[in-house]
């Protein structure tokens, strides 16, 4: 099984990994990706940015709620006869 690694070493290419959220005391599936900004009538409401997202939901992590560690998913089990 993989070991937990510091979040600074996590892949930043959209690869799904297991993230540790210490404040919530849970591990979730997530990925690091670009989020497009939004504009309206030529006015930039907020710029685009890279950040961590969890699967099935968009989470805008506040500093104290950000993932601190990550690990790769374990290998899929082989079928047994």
Protein backbone atom coordinates (compact mmCIF):
# COMPACT_ATOMS: atom_id res chain seq x y z
CA UNK A 1 0.00 0.00 0.00
CA UNK A 2 1.18 3.53 -0.70
CA UNK A 3 2.33 5.84 2.06
CA UNK A 4 0.95 9.31 2.69
CA UNK A 5 3.06 12.02 1.07
CA UNK A 6 3.11 15.78 1.64
CA UNK A 7 0.66 17.63 -0.62
CA UNK A 8 3.51 19.65 -2.19
CA UNK A 9 4.66 16.45 -3.94
CA UNK A 10 1.25 15.56 -5.40
CA UNK A 11 0.75 15.34 -9.18
CA UNK A 12 -0.65 18.52 -10.66
CA UNK A 13 -1.81 17.11 -14.00
CA UNK A 14 -5.41 16.15 -13.20
CA UNK A 15 -4.48 12.68 -11.91
CA UNK A 16 -6.98 11.46 -9.34
CA UNK A 17 -5.42 10.68 -5.97
CA UNK A 18 -6.54 10.16 -2.39
CA UNK A 19 -6.43 13.42 -0.42
CA UNK A 20 -6.26 13.75 3.36
CA UNK A 21 -8.38 16.55 4.86
CA UNK A 22 -7.22 16.82 8.49
CA UNK A 23 -9.85 19.27 9.76
CA UNK A 24 -12.63 16.98 8.51
CA UNK A 25 -10.62 13.86 9.46
CA UNK A 26 -11.44 12.15 6.15
CA UNK A 27 -9.74 10.87 3.00
CA UNK A 28 -11.41 11.72 -0.33
CA UNK A 29 -10.73 11.21 -4.02
CA UNK A 30 -9.61 14.39 -5.72
CA UNK A 31 -7.45 16.05 -8.36
CA UNK A 32 -5.57 19.31 -9.06
CA UNK A 33 -6.88 21.19 -12.08
CA UNK A 34 -7.50 24.54 -13.72
CA UNK A 35 -10.78 26.28 -12.92
CA UNK A 36 -11.91 28.80 -15.49
CA UNK A 37 -12.60 32.30 -14.28
CA UNK A 38 -15.88 34.02 -14.87
CA UNK A 39 -16.73 37.29 -16.53
CA UNK A 40 -19.90 39.16 -17.31
CA UNK A 41 -20.27 41.86 -19.96
CA UNK A 42 -16.49 42.12 -20.25
CA UNK A 43 -16.01 42.54 -16.49
CA UNK A 44 -13.87 39.86 -14.87
CA UNK A 45 -15.77 38.65 -11.82
CA UNK A 46 -12.90 36.36 -10.78
CA UNK A 47 -9.80 35.08 -12.58
CA UNK A 48 -9.05 31.47 -13.43
CA UNK A 49 -6.83 29.49 -11.09
CA UNK A 50 -5.40 26.05 -10.29
CA UNK A 51 -6.62 24.30 -7.14
CA UNK A 52 -7.63 20.98 -5.58
CA UNK A 53 -11.08 19.60 -6.31
CA UNK A 54 -12.79 16.53 -4.94
CA UNK A 55 -14.65 14.07 -7.13
CA UNK A 56 -18.39 14.62 -7.52
CA UNK A 57 -18.23 18.14 -6.13
CA UNK A 58 -16.46 21.45 -6.44
CA UNK A 59 -14.83 22.50 -3.19
CA UNK A 60 -13.19 25.86 -2.77
CA UNK A 61 -10.92 25.02 0.15
CA UNK A 62 -10.29 27.68 2.76
CA UNK A 63 -6.72 27.61 4.04
CA UNK A 64 -7.38 25.57 7.18
CA UNK A 65 -9.46 23.01 5.24
CA UNK A 66 -6.99 22.31 2.45
CA UNK A 67 -5.60 18.82 1.90
CA UNK A 68 -2.24 18.32 3.59
CA UNK A 69 -1.28 14.86 2.29
CA UNK A 70 -2.00 12.55 -0.61
CA UNK A 71 -1.44 8.99 -1.78
CA UNK A 72 -1.91 7.01 -4.97
CA UNK A 73 -4.86 4.70 -5.30
CA UNK A 74 -4.01 1.07 -4.58
CA UNK A 75 -3.85 -1.34 -7.49
CA UNK A 76 -7.14 -2.91 -8.53
CA UNK A 77 -7.48 -6.43 -7.11
CA UNK A 78 -6.94 -9.32 -9.48
CA UNK A 79 -9.92 -11.56 -9.94
CA UNK A 80 -9.74 -14.82 -8.06
CA UNK A 81 -10.85 -18.11 -9.62
